[in-house]
């Protein structure tokens, strides 16, 4: 299991909020830290 994940906050199909919510709602991944970033230049 990773200690942390980095995600783009504005993804086309599943955004960073949904990924974070999914991880934190699962007992096996709830402790994983999520760093969400975004930029209009990507």
N, C-alpha and C. Protein backbone atom coordinates (compact mmCIF):
# COMPACT_ATOMS: atom_id res chain seq x y z
N UNK A 1 0.83 -1.18 0.00
CA UNK A 1 0.00 0.00 0.00
C UNK A 1 0.88 1.25 0.00
N UNK A 2 0.48 2.24 -0.74
CA UNK A 2 1.25 3.49 -0.72
C UNK A 2 0.96 4.28 0.56
N UNK A 3 1.92 5.12 0.95
CA UNK A 3 1.71 6.02 2.08
C UNK A 3 0.90 7.23 1.66
N UNK A 4 1.03 7.60 0.37
CA UNK A 4 0.33 8.78 -0.15
C UNK A 4 0.14 8.64 -1.65
N UNK A 5 -0.82 9.37 -2.19
CA UNK A 5 -1.04 9.44 -3.63
C UNK A 5 -1.18 10.90 -4.03
N UNK A 6 -0.76 11.20 -5.25
CA UNK A 6 -0.91 12.54 -5.80
C UNK A 6 -1.87 12.44 -6.97
N UNK A 7 -2.92 13.24 -6.95
CA UNK A 7 -3.92 13.20 -8.02
C UNK A 7 -4.19 14.61 -8.54
N UNK A 8 -4.61 14.67 -9.79
CA UNK A 8 -5.07 15.93 -10.37
C UNK A 8 -6.50 16.15 -9.89
N UNK A 9 -6.79 17.32 -9.37
CA UNK A 9 -8.12 17.60 -8.82
C UNK A 9 -9.19 17.60 -9.89
N UNK A 10 -8.84 17.98 -11.11
CA UNK A 10 -9.82 18.09 -12.20
C UNK A 10 -9.55 17.05 -13.28
N UNK A 11 -9.93 15.83 -13.03
CA UNK A 11 -9.81 14.76 -14.03
C UNK A 11 -11.13 14.64 -14.78
N UNK A 12 -11.10 14.16 -16.02
CA UNK A 12 -12.33 14.13 -16.82
C UNK A 12 -13.39 13.14 -16.35
N UNK A 13 -13.00 11.99 -15.82
CA UNK A 13 -14.01 10.98 -15.46
C UNK A 13 -14.23 10.85 -13.96
N UNK A 14 -13.18 10.95 -13.17
CA UNK A 14 -13.28 10.85 -11.71
C UNK A 14 -12.33 11.89 -11.14
N UNK A 15 -12.87 12.93 -10.50
CA UNK A 15 -12.00 14.00 -10.02
C UNK A 15 -11.32 13.63 -8.70
N UNK A 16 -10.41 14.47 -8.28
CA UNK A 16 -9.64 14.23 -7.07
C UNK A 16 -10.50 14.05 -5.83
N UNK A 17 -11.60 14.79 -5.76
CA UNK A 17 -12.51 14.66 -4.62
C UNK A 17 -13.09 13.25 -4.57
N UNK A 18 -13.53 12.73 -5.70
CA UNK A 18 -14.12 11.39 -5.73
C UNK A 18 -13.08 10.32 -5.38
N UNK A 19 -11.86 10.49 -5.87
CA UNK A 19 -10.79 9.54 -5.54
C UNK A 19 -10.51 9.57 -4.04
N UNK A 20 -10.38 10.77 -3.48
CA UNK A 20 -10.12 10.92 -2.05
C UNK A 20 -11.25 10.29 -1.23
N UNK A 21 -12.48 10.57 -1.62
CA UNK A 21 -13.65 10.03 -0.92
C UNK A 21 -13.65 8.50 -0.97
N UNK A 22 -13.36 7.94 -2.12
CA UNK A 22 -13.32 6.48 -2.28
C UNK A 22 -12.25 5.86 -1.40
N UNK A 23 -11.06 6.46 -1.40
CA UNK A 23 -9.97 5.93 -0.58
C UNK A 23 -10.30 5.99 0.90
N UNK A 24 -10.83 7.10 1.35
CA UNK A 24 -11.09 7.27 2.78
C UNK A 24 -12.31 6.52 3.28
N UNK A 25 -13.15 6.04 2.39
CA UNK A 25 -14.31 5.24 2.79
C UNK A 25 -14.02 3.75 2.86
N UNK A 26 -12.86 3.35 2.42
CA UNK A 26 -12.48 1.94 2.47
C UNK A 26 -11.55 1.70 3.66
N UNK A 27 -11.84 0.72 4.50
CA UNK A 27 -10.98 0.46 5.66
C UNK A 27 -9.53 0.12 5.29
N UNK A 28 -9.32 -0.48 4.14
CA UNK A 28 -7.96 -0.86 3.76
C UNK A 28 -7.14 0.29 3.19
N UNK A 29 -7.79 1.37 2.76
CA UNK A 29 -7.06 2.50 2.19
C UNK A 29 -7.31 3.82 2.92
N UNK A 30 -8.04 3.78 4.00
CA UNK A 30 -8.43 5.02 4.71
C UNK A 30 -7.24 5.81 5.24
N UNK A 31 -6.13 5.15 5.53
CA UNK A 31 -4.98 5.85 6.10
C UNK A 31 -4.08 6.48 5.04
N UNK A 32 -4.34 6.26 3.77
CA UNK A 32 -3.52 6.82 2.70
C UNK A 32 -3.80 8.32 2.57
N UNK A 33 -2.73 9.09 2.59
CA UNK A 33 -2.84 10.54 2.42
C UNK A 33 -3.04 10.86 0.95
N UNK A 34 -3.85 11.88 0.66
CA UNK A 34 -4.12 12.30 -0.72
C UNK A 34 -3.67 13.74 -0.89
N UNK A 35 -2.80 13.97 -1.86
CA UNK A 35 -2.39 15.31 -2.24
C UNK A 35 -3.00 15.60 -3.59
N UNK A 36 -3.93 16.54 -3.64
CA UNK A 36 -4.63 16.86 -4.88
C UNK A 36 -4.12 18.19 -5.42
N UNK A 37 -3.69 18.18 -6.66
CA UNK A 37 -3.17 19.37 -7.33
C UNK A 37 -3.92 19.60 -8.62
N UNK A 38 -3.85 20.81 -9.11
CA UNK A 38 -4.40 21.08 -10.43
C UNK A 38 -3.75 22.33 -11.00
N UNK A 39 -3.81 22.45 -12.29
CA UNK A 39 -3.34 23.64 -12.99
C UNK A 39 -4.09 23.72 -14.32
N UNK A 40 -4.41 24.90 -14.77
CA UNK A 40 -5.09 25.01 -16.06
C UNK A 40 -4.16 24.70 -17.24
N UNK A 41 -2.84 24.58 -16.98
CA UNK A 41 -1.88 24.35 -18.05
C UNK A 41 -1.70 22.89 -18.42
N UNK A 42 -2.34 21.97 -17.72
CA UNK A 42 -2.17 20.55 -18.03
C UNK A 42 -3.01 20.13 -19.19
